[in-house]
Amino acid sequence: AARMRGTPEDAPAPNGNVVPFPRATPGADASIWDRVRHRLAGENAALCAAWFDGLKMVEGDGDRLHLKAPTRFHADYVMTHHMTRLIHALRSEGMESPSLTITA
């Protein structure tokens, strides 16, 4: 019955049922990929969780970065739809002319 009456106007609004889990800021010794993922999560957390968190760094040397995806579809999708975003994030983290490869 109380639910049907509604909430009093002076009652605080509910916060919802989503509890955000902030990502830890990468330390000074973090890899380039950890820093890029943190940057991408700040821009769009859902996109990062769906497509970038599944990628693992295989090798990172100078301006070259090699990532491994869980499946071939995942690798192809990221390369087709998110390569520009990744290259921009790599440049923002200090890579002047990044070379990025993603394999399954």
PDB file of N, CA and C in Angstrom:
ATOM      1  N   ALA A   1       0.826  -1.179   0.000  1.00  0.00           N
ATOM      2  CA  ALA A   1       0.000   0.000   0.000  1.00  0.00           C
ATOM      3  C   ALA A   1       0.879   1.255   0.000  1.00  0.00           C
ATOM      4  N   ALA A   2       1.972   1.244   0.752  1.00  0.00           N
ATOM      5  CA  ALA A   2       2.842   2.419   0.814  1.00  0.00           C
ATOM      6  C   ALA A   2       3.478   2.672  -0.547  1.00  0.00           C
ATOM      7  N   ARG A   3       3.788   1.632  -1.259  1.00  0.00           N
ATOM      8  CA  ARG A   3       4.394   1.780  -2.572  1.00  0.00           C
ATOM      9  C   ARG A   3       3.429   2.447  -3.548  1.00  0.00           C
ATOM     10  N   MET A   4       2.162   2.154  -3.460  1.00  0.00           N
ATOM     11  CA  MET A   4       1.168   2.714  -4.365  1.00  0.00           C
ATOM     12  C   MET A   4       0.874   4.185  -4.073  1.00  0.00           C
ATOM     13  N   ARG A   5       1.102   4.605  -2.837  1.00  0.00           N
ATOM     14  CA  ARG A   5       0.864   6.003  -2.486  1.00  0.00           C
ATOM     15  C   ARG A   5       1.946   6.911  -3.055  1.00  0.00           C
ATOM     16  N   GLY A   6       3.047   6.368  -3.434  1.00  0.00           N
ATOM     17  CA  GLY A   6       4.152   7.182  -3.940  1.00  0.00           C
ATOM     18  C   GLY A   6       5.084   7.576  -2.816  1.00  0.00           C
ATOM     19  N   THR A   7       6.061   8.397  -3.145  1.00  0.00           N
ATOM     20  CA  THR A   7       7.015   8.834  -2.133  1.00  0.00           C
ATOM     21  C   THR A   7       6.689  10.255  -1.706  1.00  0.00           C
ATOM     22  N   PRO A   8       6.902  10.572  -0.459  1.00  0.00           N
ATOM     23  CA  PRO A   8       6.691  11.951  -0.025  1.00  0.00           C
ATOM     24  C   PRO A   8       7.648  12.876  -0.769  1.00  0.00           C
ATOM     25  N   GLU A   9       7.212  14.101  -0.970  1.00  0.00           N
ATOM     26  CA  GLU A   9       8.029  15.031  -1.755  1.00  0.00           C
ATOM     27  C   GLU A   9       9.351  15.356  -1.085  1.00  0.00           C
ATOM     28  N   ASP A  10       9.429  15.261   0.235  1.00  0.00           N
ATOM     29  CA  ASP A  10      10.686  15.584   0.919  1.00  0.00           C
ATOM     30  C   ASP A  10      11.596  14.371   1.076  1.00  0.00           C
ATOM     31  N   ALA A  11      11.167  13.226   0.566  1.00  0.00           N
ATOM     32  CA  ALA A  11      11.994  12.021   0.645  1.00  0.00           C
ATOM     33  C   ALA A  11      13.131  12.110  -0.364  1.00  0.00           C
ATOM     34  N   PRO A  12      14.323  11.632   0.020  1.00  0.00           N
ATOM     35  CA  PRO A  12      15.448  11.663  -0.930  1.00  0.00           C
ATOM     36  C   PRO A  12      15.185  10.721  -2.098  1.00  0.00           C
ATOM     37  N   ALA A  13      15.641  11.117  -3.260  1.00  0.00           N
ATOM     38  CA  ALA A  13      15.480  10.288  -4.455  1.00  0.00           C
ATOM     39  C   ALA A  13      16.393   9.072  -4.350  1.00  0.00           C
ATOM     40  N   PRO A  14      15.914   7.909  -4.797  1.00  0.00           N
ATOM     41  CA  PRO A  14      16.773   6.720  -4.757  1.00  0.00           C
ATOM     42  C   PRO A  14      17.942   6.886  -5.729  1.00  0.00           C
ATOM     43  N   ASN A  15      19.060   6.261  -5.387  1.00  0.00           N
ATOM     44  CA  ASN A  15      20.262   6.338  -6.220  1.00  0.00           C
ATOM     45  C   ASN A  15      20.247   5.329  -7.344  1.00  0.00           C
ATOM     46  N   GLY A  16      19.285   4.460  -7.376  1.00  0.00           N
ATOM     47  CA  GLY A  16      19.267   3.413  -8.393  1.00  0.00           C
ATOM     48  C   GLY A  16      19.894   2.149  -7.845  1.00  0.00           C
ATOM     49  N   ASN A  17      20.002   1.160  -8.677  1.00  0.00           N
ATOM     50  CA  ASN A  17      20.559  -0.111  -8.231  1.00  0.00           C
ATOM     51  C   ASN A  17      21.903  -0.416  -8.875  1.00  0.00           C
ATOM     52  N   VAL A  18      22.493   0.569  -9.531  1.00  0.00           N
ATOM     53  CA  VAL A  18      23.792   0.367 -10.158  1.00  0.00           C
ATOM     54  C   VAL A  18      24.875   0.927  -9.235  1.00  0.00           C
ATOM     55  N   VAL A  19      25.792   0.068  -8.875  1.00  0.00           N
ATOM     56  CA  VAL A  19      26.892   0.485  -8.012  1.00  0.00           C
ATOM     57  C   VAL A  19      28.138   0.605  -8.877  1.00  0.00           C
ATOM     58  N   PRO A  20      28.645   1.834  -9.082  1.00  0.00           N
ATOM     59  CA  PRO A  20      29.832   1.980  -9.928  1.00  0.00           C
ATOM     60  C   PRO A  20      31.083   1.489  -9.209  1.00  0.00           C
ATOM     61  N   PHE A  21      31.943   0.856  -9.945  1.00  0.00           N
ATOM     62  CA  PHE A  21      33.229   0.414  -9.435  1.00  0.00           C
ATOM     63  C   PHE A  21      34.308   1.199 -10.164  1.00  0.00           C
ATOM     64  N   PRO A  22      34.848   2.223  -9.522  1.00  0.00           N
ATOM     65  CA  PRO A  22      35.854   3.030 -10.214  1.00  0.00           C
ATOM     66  C   PRO A  22      37.108   2.214 -10.493  1.00  0.00           C
ATOM     67  N   ARG A  23      37.701   2.488 -11.633  1.00  0.00           N
ATOM     68  CA  ARG A  23      38.939   1.811 -11.985  1.00  0.00           C
ATOM     69  C   ARG A  23      40.093   2.481 -11.250  1.00  0.00           C
ATOM     70  N   ALA A  24      41.033   1.682 -10.849  1.00  0.00           N
ATOM     71  CA  ALA A  24      42.217   2.233 -10.207  1.00  0.00           C
ATOM     72  C   ALA A  24      43.055   2.961 -11.250  1.00  0.00           C
ATOM     73  N   THR A  25      43.600   4.082 -10.861  1.00  0.00           N
ATOM     74  CA  THR A  25      44.471   4.832 -11.763  1.00  0.00           C
ATOM     75  C   THR A  25      45.786   4.074 -11.894  1.00  0.00           C
ATOM     76  N   PRO A  26      46.241   3.845 -13.134  1.00  0.00           N
ATOM     77  CA  PRO A  26      47.498   3.109 -13.312  1.00  0.00           C
ATOM     78  C   PRO A  26      48.673   3.887 -12.721  1.00  0.00           C
ATOM     79  N   GLY A  27      49.587   3.171 -12.125  1.00  0.00           N
ATOM     80  CA  GLY A  27      50.767   3.792 -11.544  1.00  0.00           C
ATOM     81  C   GLY A  27      51.795   4.169 -12.601  1.00  0.00           C
ATOM     82  N   ALA A  28      52.885   4.753 -12.147  1.00  0.00           N
ATOM     83  CA  ALA A  28      53.935   5.212 -13.055  1.00  0.00           C
ATOM     84  C   ALA A  28      54.576   4.050 -13.812  1.00  0.00           C
ATOM     85  N   ASP A  29      54.575   2.867 -13.207  1.00  0.00           N
ATOM     86  CA  ASP A  29      55.205   1.709 -13.855  1.00  0.00           C
ATOM     87  C   ASP A  29      54.212   0.892 -14.681  1.00  0.00           C
ATOM     88  N   ALA A  30      52.994   1.399 -14.898  1.00  0.00           N
ATOM     89  CA  ALA A  30      51.976   0.681 -15.666  1.00  0.00           C
ATOM     90  C   ALA A  30      52.378   0.598 -17.131  1.00  0.00           C
ATOM     91  N   SER A  31      51.924  -0.450 -17.785  1.00  0.00           N
ATOM     92  CA  SER A  31      52.222  -0.630 -19.213  1.00  0.00           C
ATOM     93  C   SER A  31      51.437   0.384 -20.038  1.00  0.00           C
ATOM     94  N   ILE A  32      51.872   0.575 -21.264  1.00  0.00           N
ATOM     95  CA  ILE A  32      51.170   1.486 -22.173  1.00  0.00           C
ATOM     96  C   ILE A  32      49.727   1.027 -22.344  1.00  0.00           C
ATOM     97  N   TRP A  33      49.483  -0.271 -22.406  1.00  0.00           N
ATOM     98  CA  TRP A  33      48.134  -0.773 -22.601  1.00  0.00           C
ATOM     99  C   TRP A  33      47.251  -0.485 -21.380  1.00  0.00           C
ATOM    100  N   ASP A  34      47.800  -0.613 -20.173  1.00  0.00           N
ATOM    101  CA  ASP A  34      47.027  -0.284 -18.971  1.00  0.00           C
ATOM    102  C   ASP A  34      46.627   1.193 -18.971  1.00  0.00           C
ATOM    103  N   ARG A  35      47.541   2.055 -19.359  1.00  0.00           N
ATOM    104  CA  ARG A  35      47.242   3.488 -19.402  1.00  0.00           C
ATOM    105  C   ARG A  35      46.207   3.804 -20.476  1.00  0.00           C
ATOM    106  N   VAL A  36      46.328   3.160 -21.639  1.00  0.00           N
ATOM    107  CA  VAL A  36      45.369   3.391 -22.728  1.00  0.00           C
ATOM    108  C   VAL A  36      43.989   2.893 -22.325  1.00  0.00           C
ATOM    109  N   ARG A  37      43.910   1.705 -21.725  1.00  0.00           N
ATOM    110  CA  ARG A  37      42.605   1.189 -21.285  1.00  0.00           C
ATOM    111  C   ARG A  37      41.965   2.099 -20.249  1.00  0.00           C
ATOM    112  N   HIS A  38      42.753   2.633 -19.351  1.00  0.00           N
ATOM    113  CA  HIS A  38      42.226   3.551 -18.348  1.00  0.00           C
ATOM    114  C   HIS A  38      41.673   4.806 -19.024  1.00  0.00           C
ATOM    115  N   ARG A  39      42.383   5.318 -20.004  1.00  0.00           N
ATOM    116  CA  ARG A  39      41.920   6.492 -20.755  1.00  0.00           C
ATOM    117  C   ARG A  39      40.614   6.179 -21.487  1.00  0.00           C
ATOM    118  N   LEU A  40      40.559   5.022 -22.155  1.00  0.00           N
ATOM    119  CA  LEU A  40      39.362   4.632 -22.900  1.00  0.00           C
ATOM    120  C   LEU A  40      38.172   4.406 -21.968  1.00  0.00           C
ATOM    121  N   ALA A  41      38.410   3.844 -20.799  1.00  0.00           N
ATOM    122  CA  ALA A  41      37.331   3.627 -19.833  1.00  0.00           C
ATOM    123  C   ALA A  41      36.779   4.957 -19.336  1.00  0.00           C
ATOM    124  N   GLY A  42      37.641   5.953 -19.212  1.00  0.00           N
ATOM    125  CA  GLY A  42      37.178   7.269 -18.806  1.00  0.00           C
ATOM    126  C   GLY A  42      36.293   7.913 -19.857  1.00  0.00           C
ATOM    127  N   GLU A  43      36.543   7.604 -21.114  1.00  0.00           N
ATOM    128  CA  GLU A  43      35.738   8.145 -22.204  1.00  0.00           C
ATOM    129  C   GLU A  43      34.397   7.428 -22.334  1.00  0.00           C
ATOM    130  N   ASN A  44      34.428   6.085 -22.231  1.00  0.00           N
ATOM    131  CA  ASN A  44      33.205   5.292 -22.401  1.00  0.00           C
ATOM    132  C   ASN A  44      33.419   3.941 -21.713  1.00  0.00           C
ATOM    133  N   ALA A  45      32.972   3.842 -20.471  1.00  0.00           N
ATOM    134  CA  ALA A  45      33.223   2.644 -19.671  1.00  0.00           C
ATOM    135  C   ALA A  45      32.573   1.394 -20.258  1.00  0.00           C
ATOM    136  N   ALA A  46      31.365   1.525 -20.794  1.00  0.00           N
ATOM    137  CA  ALA A  46      30.670   0.357 -21.347  1.00  0.00           C
ATOM    138  C   ALA A  46      31.391  -0.176 -22.586  1.00  0.00           C
ATOM    139  N   LEU A  47      31.820   0.718 -23.450  1.00  0.00           N
ATOM    140  CA  LEU A  47      32.553   0.316 -24.652  1.00  0.00           C
ATOM    141  C   LEU A  47      33.864  -0.356 -24.264  1.00  0.00           C
ATOM    142  N   CYS A  48      34.526   0.205 -23.291  1.00  0.00           N
ATOM    143  CA  CYS A  48      35.794  -0.371 -22.842  1.00  0.00           C
ATOM    144  C   CYS A  48      35.577  -1.772 -22.272  1.00  0.00           C
ATOM    145  N   ALA A  49      34.557  -1.934 -21.454  1.00  0.00           N
ATOM    146  CA  ALA A  49      34.279  -3.246 -20.863  1.00  0.00           C
ATOM    147  C   ALA A  49      33.928  -4.269 -21.932  1.00  0.00           C
ATOM    148  N   ALA A  50      33.199  -3.848 -22.953  1.00  0.00           N
ATOM    149  CA  ALA A  50      32.756  -4.777 -23.997  1.00  0.00           C
ATOM    150  C   ALA A  50      33.878  -5.189 -24.939  1.00  0.00           C
ATOM    151  N   TRP A  51      34.732  -4.244 -25.334  1.00  0.00           N
ATOM    152  CA  TRP A  51      35.688  -4.535 -26.402  1.00  0.00           C
ATOM    153  C   TRP A  51      37.154  -4.432 -26.013  1.00  0.00           C
ATOM    154  N   PHE A  52      37.536  -3.559 -25.103  1.00  0.00           N
ATOM    155  CA  PHE A  52      38.963  -3.339 -24.844  1.00  0.00           C
ATOM    156  C   PHE A  52      39.495  -4.122 -23.658  1.00  0.00           C
ATOM    157  N   ASP A  53      38.658  -4.384 -22.642  1.00  0.00           N
ATOM    158  CA  ASP A  53      39.141  -5.110 -21.474  1.00  0.00           C
ATOM    159  C   ASP A  53      39.517  -6.552 -21.801  1.00  0.00           C
ATOM    160  N   GLY A  54      38.951  -7.121 -22.842  1.00  0.00           N
ATOM    161  CA  GLY A  54      39.273  -8.492 -23.234  1.00  0.00           C
ATOM    162  C   GLY A  54      40.584  -8.621 -23.985  1.00  0.00           C
ATOM    163  N   LEU A  55      41.156  -7.501 -24.387  1.00  0.00           N
ATOM    164  CA  LEU A  55      42.418  -7.532 -25.119  1.00  0.00           C
ATOM    165  C   LEU A  55      43.586  -7.576 -24.137  1.00  0.00           C
ATOM    166  N   LYS A  56      44.539  -8.411 -24.406  1.00  0.00           N
ATOM    167  CA  LYS A  56      45.727  -8.553 -23.549  1.00  0.00           C
ATOM    168  C   LYS A  56      46.966  -8.152 -24.322  1.00  0.00           C
ATOM    169  N   MET A  57      47.854  -7.446 -23.659  1.00  0.00           N
ATOM    170  CA  MET A  57      49.085  -7.024 -24.316  1.00  0.00           C
ATOM    171  C   MET A  57      50.051  -8.205 -24.413  1.00  0.00           C
ATOM    172  N   VAL A  58      50.508  -8.466 -25.630  1.00  0.00           N
ATOM    173  CA  VAL A  58      51.495  -9.512 -25.870  1.00  0.00           C
ATOM    174  C   VAL A  58      52.884  -8.893 -25.865  1.00  0.00           C
ATOM    175  N   GLU A  59      52.991  -7.759 -26.557  1.00  0.00           N
ATOM    176  CA  GLU A  59      54.279  -7.083 -26.681  1.00  0.00           C
ATOM    177  C   GLU A  59      54.039  -5.586 -26.854  1.00  0.00           C
ATOM    178  N   GLY A  60      54.847  -4.805 -26.197  1.00  0.00           N
ATOM    179  CA  GLY A  60      54.808  -3.363 -26.358  1.00  0.00           C
ATOM    180  C   GLY A  60      56.222  -2.841 -26.331  1.00  0.00           C
ATOM    181  N   ASP A  61      56.682  -2.291 -27.449  1.00  0.00           N
ATOM    182  CA  ASP A  61      58.067  -1.858 -27.555  1.00  0.00           C
ATOM    183  C   ASP A  61      58.121  -0.597 -28.400  1.00  0.00           C
ATOM    184  N   GLY A  62      58.556   0.501 -27.817  1.00  0.00           N
ATOM    185  CA  GLY A  62      58.639   1.750 -28.572  1.00  0.00           C
ATOM    186  C   GLY A  62      57.271   2.185 -29.042  1.00  0.00           C
ATOM    187  N   ASP A  63      57.114   2.296 -30.354  1.00  0.00           N
ATOM    188  CA  ASP A  63      55.830   2.682 -30.928  1.00  0.00           C
ATOM    189  C   ASP A  63      55.046   1.485 -31.452  1.00  0.00           C
ATOM    190  N   ARG A  64      55.453   0.275 -31.086  1.00  0.00           N
ATOM    191  CA  ARG A  64      54.755  -0.930 -31.536  1.00  0.00           C
ATOM    192  C   ARG A  64      54.015  -1.559 -30.366  1.00  0.00           C
ATOM    193  N   LEU A  65      52.783  -1.986 -30.645  1.00  0.00           N
ATOM    194  CA  LEU A  65      51.977  -2.656 -29.630  1.00  0.00           C
ATOM    195  C   LEU A  65      51.257  -3.819 -30.288  1.00  0.00           C
ATOM    196  N   HIS A  66      51.367  -4.991 -29.673  1.00  0.00           N
ATOM    197  CA  HIS A  66      50.688  -6.189 -30.165  1.00  0.00           C
ATOM    198  C   HIS A  66      49.730  -6.647 -29.082  1.00  0.00           C
ATOM    199  N   LEU A  67      48.446  -6.747 -29.432  1.00  0.00           N
ATOM    200  CA  LEU A  67      47.406  -7.189 -28.509  1.00  0.00           C
ATOM    201  C   LEU A  67      46.833  -8.515 -28.957  1.00  0.00           C
ATOM    202  N   LYS A  68      46.361  -9.304 -27.991  1.00  0.00           N
ATOM    203  CA  LYS A  68      45.724 -10.582 -28.283  1.00  0.00           C
ATOM    204  C   LYS A  68      44.270 -10.508 -27.841  1.00  0.00           C
ATOM    205  N   ALA A  69      43.366 -10.870 -28.755  1.00  0.00           N
ATOM    206  CA  ALA A  69      41.930 -10.883 -28.491  1.00  0.00           C
ATOM    207  C   ALA A  69      41.490 -12.307 -28.152  1.00  0.00           C
ATOM    208  N   PRO A  70      40.367 -12.445 -27.442  1.00  0.00           N
ATOM    209  CA  PRO A  70      39.908 -13.796 -27.091  1.00  0.00           C
ATOM    210  C   PRO A  70      39.431 -14.612 -28.288  1.00  0.00           C
ATOM    211  N   THR A  71      38.942 -13.953 -29.337  1.00  0.00           N
ATOM    212  CA  THR A  71      38.487 -14.669 -30.535  1.00  0.00           C
ATOM    213  C   THR A  71      38.879 -13.879 -31.782  1.00  0.00           C
ATOM    214  N   ARG A  72      38.841 -14.551 -32.919  1.00  0.00           N
ATOM    215  CA  ARG A  72      39.127 -13.880 -34.192  1.00  0.00           C
ATOM    216  C   ARG A  72      38.062 -12.802 -34.482  1.00  0.00           C
ATOM    217  N   PHE A  73      36.804 -13.111 -34.173  1.00  0.00           N
ATOM    218  CA  PHE A  73      35.737 -12.125 -34.371  1.00  0.00           C
ATOM    219  C   PHE A  73      36.019 -10.860 -33.559  1.00  0.00           C
ATOM    220  N   HIS A  74      36.409 -11.047 -32.308  1.00  0.00           N
ATOM    221  CA  HIS A  74      36.709  -9.911 -31.428  1.00  0.00           C
ATOM    222  C   HIS A  74      37.827  -9.056 -32.034  1.00  0.00           C
ATOM    223  N   ALA A  75      38.892  -9.701 -32.465  1.00  0.00           N
ATOM    224  CA  ALA A  75      40.021  -8.974 -33.065  1.00  0.00           C
ATOM    225  C   ALA A  75      39.580  -8.221 -34.310  1.00  0.00           C
ATOM    226  N   ASP A  76      38.846  -8.891 -35.192  1.00  0.00           N
ATOM    227  CA  ASP A  76      38.378  -8.250 -36.428  1.00  0.00           C
ATOM    228  C   ASP A  76      37.451  -7.083 -36.139  1.00  0.00           C
ATOM    229  N   TYR A  77      36.552  -7.242 -35.180  1.00  0.00           N
ATOM    230  CA  TYR A  77      35.602  -6.183 -34.861  1.00  0.00           C
ATOM    231  C   TYR A  77      36.322  -4.944 -34.333  1.00  0.00           C
ATOM    232  N   VAL A  78      37.249  -5.161 -33.418  1.00  0.00           N
ATOM    233  CA  VAL A  78      37.985  -4.024 -32.856  1.00  0.00           C
ATOM    234  C   VAL A  78      38.805  -3.336 -33.946  1.00  0.00           C
ATOM    235  N   MET A  79      39.458  -4.109 -34.795  1.00  0.00           N
ATOM    236  CA  MET A  79      40.253  -3.503 -35.867  1.00  0.00           C
ATOM    237  C   MET A  79      39.372  -2.734 -36.844  1.00  0.00           C
ATOM    238  N   THR A  80      38.194  -3.247 -37.131  1.00  0.00           N
ATOM    239  CA  THR A  80      37.300  -2.601 -38.090  1.00  0.00           C
ATOM    240  C   THR A  80      36.615  -1.367 -37.512  1.00  0.00           C
ATOM    241  N   HIS A  81      36.145  -1.460 -36.277  1.00  0.00           N
ATOM    242  CA  HIS A  81      35.294  -0.415 -35.728  1.00  0.00           C
ATOM    243  C   HIS A  81      35.958   0.522 -34.716  1.00  0.00           C
ATOM    244  N   HIS A  82      37.080   0.113 -34.126  1.00  0.00           N
ATOM    245  CA  HIS A  82      37.651   0.920 -33.046  1.00  0.00           C
ATOM    246  C   HIS A  82      39.132   1.259 -33.219  1.00  0.00           C
ATOM    247  N   MET A  83      39.697   0.967 -34.379  1.00  0.00           N
ATOM    248  CA  MET A  83      41.122   1.209 -34.583  1.00  0.00           C
ATOM    249  C   MET A  83      41.464   2.694 -34.450  1.00  0.00           C
ATOM    250  N   THR A  84      40.638   3.569 -35.008  1.00  0.00           N
ATOM    251  CA  THR A  84      40.909   5.008 -34.929  1.00  0.00           C
ATOM    252  C   THR A  84      40.934   5.466 -33.476  1.00  0.00           C
ATOM    253  N   ARG A  85      39.989   4.999 -32.691  1.00  0.00           N
ATOM    254  CA  ARG A  85      39.929   5.358 -31.265  1.00  0.00           C
ATOM    255  C   ARG A  85      41.176   4.866 -30.535  1.00  0.00           C
ATOM    256  N   LEU A  86      41.613   3.640 -30.846  1.00  0.00           N
ATOM    257  CA  LEU A  86      42.805   3.089 -30.200  1.00  0.00           C
ATOM    258  C   LEU A  86      44.061   3.866 -30.575  1.00  0.00           C
ATOM    259  N   ILE A  87      44.209   4.174 -31.858  1.00  0.00           N
ATOM    260  CA  ILE A  87      45.393   4.926 -32.312  1.00  0.00           C
ATOM    261  C   ILE A  87      45.425   6.301 -31.648  1.00  0.00           C
ATOM    262  N   HIS A  88      44.276   6.947 -31.561  1.00  0.00           N
ATOM    263  CA  HIS A  88      44.206   8.258 -30.912  1.00  0.00           C
ATOM    264  C   HIS A  88      44.610   8.155 -29.436  1.00  0.00           C
ATOM    265  N   ALA A  89      44.122   7.128 -28.746  1.00  0.00           N
ATOM    266  CA  ALA A  89      44.477   6.933 -27.333  1.00  0.00           C
ATOM    267  C   ALA A  89      45.967   6.643 -27.173  1.00  0.00           C
ATOM    268  N   LEU A  90      46.540   5.851 -28.094  1.00  0.00           N
ATOM    269  CA  LEU A  90      47.981   5.561 -28.031  1.00  0.00           C
ATOM    270  C   LEU A  90      48.797   6.832 -28.225  1.00  0.00           C
ATOM    271  N   ARG A  91      48.380   7.677 -29.149  1.00  0.00           N
ATOM    272  CA  ARG A  91      49.076   8.953 -29.355  1.00  0.00           C
ATOM    273  C   ARG A  91      48.963   9.838 -28.125  1.00  0.00           C
ATOM    274  N   SER A  92      47.795   9.820 -27.494  1.00  0.00           N
ATOM    275  CA  SER A  92      47.590  10.624 -26.287  1.00  0.00           C
ATOM    276  C   SER A  92      48.467  10.147 -25.132  1.00  0.00           C
ATOM    277  N   GLU A  93      48.866   8.895 -25.165  1.00  0.00           N
ATOM    278  CA  GLU A  93      49.723   8.346 -24.119  1.00  0.00           C
ATOM    279  C   GLU A  93      51.212   8.390 -24.483  1.00  0.00           C
ATOM    280  N   GLY A  94      51.545   9.080 -25.570  1.00  0.00           N
ATOM    281  CA  GLY A  94      52.956   9.306 -25.862  1.00  0.00           C
ATOM    282  C   GLY A  94      53.536   8.589 -27.060  1.00  0.00           C
ATOM    283  N   MET A  95      52.810   7.704 -27.703  1.00  0.00           N
ATOM    284  CA  MET A  95      53.332   7.056 -28.909  1.00  0.00           C
ATOM    285  C   MET A  95      53.172   8.024 -30.073  1.00  0.00           C
ATOM    286  N   GLU A  96      54.283   8.368 -30.722  1.00  0.00           N
ATOM    287  CA  GLU A  96      54.217   9.352 -31.804  1.00  0.00           C
ATOM    288  C   GLU A  96      53.576   8.798 -33.063  1.00  0.00           C
ATOM    289  N   SER A  97      54.040   7.628 -33.508  1.00  0.00           N
ATOM    290  CA  SER A  97      53.438   7.002 -34.680  1.00  0.00           C
ATOM    291  C   SER A  97      53.202   5.525 -34.355  1.00  0.00           C
ATOM    292  N   PRO A  98      52.104   5.250 -33.642  1.00  0.00           N
ATOM    293  CA  PRO A  98      51.865   3.893 -33.166  1.00  0.00           C
ATOM    294  C   PRO A  98      51.583   2.881 -34.261  1.00  0.00           C
ATOM    295  N   SER A  99      52.140   1.692 -34.069  1.00  0.00           N
ATOM    296  CA  SER A  99      51.870   0.549 -34.926  1.00  0.00           C
ATOM    297  C   SER A  99      51.172  -0.475 -34.048  1.00  0.00           C
ATOM    298  N   LEU A 100      49.907  -0.750 -34.365  1.00  0.00           N
ATOM    299  CA  LEU A 100      49.099  -1.621 -33.524  1.00  0.00           C
ATOM    300  C   LEU A 100      48.655  -2.849 -34.317  1.00  0.00           C
ATOM    301  N   THR A 101      48.875  -4.028 -33.734  1.00  0.00           N
ATOM    302  CA  THR A 101      48.359  -5.263 -34.323  1.00  0.00           C
ATOM    303  C   THR A 101      47.523  -5.983 -33.269  1.00  0.00           C
ATOM    304  N   ILE A 102      46.443  -6.593 -33.734  1.00  0.00           N
ATOM    305  CA  ILE A 102      45.558  -7.352 -32.856  1.00  0.00           C
ATOM    306  C   ILE A 102      45.338  -8.714 -33.501  1.00  0.00           C
ATOM    307  N   THR A 103      45.657  -9.764 -32.784  1.00  0.00           N
ATOM    308  CA  THR A 103      45.478 -11.126 -33.279  1.00  0.00           C
ATOM    309  C   THR A 103      44.647 -11.926 -32.287  1.00  0.00           C
ATOM    310  N   ALA A 104      44.170 -13.082 -32.748  1.00  0.00           N
ATOM    311  CA  ALA A 104      43.375 -13.945 -31.869  1.00  0.00           C
ATOM    312  C   ALA A 104      44.267 -15.027 -31.272  1.00  0.00           C
TER     313      ALA A 104
END
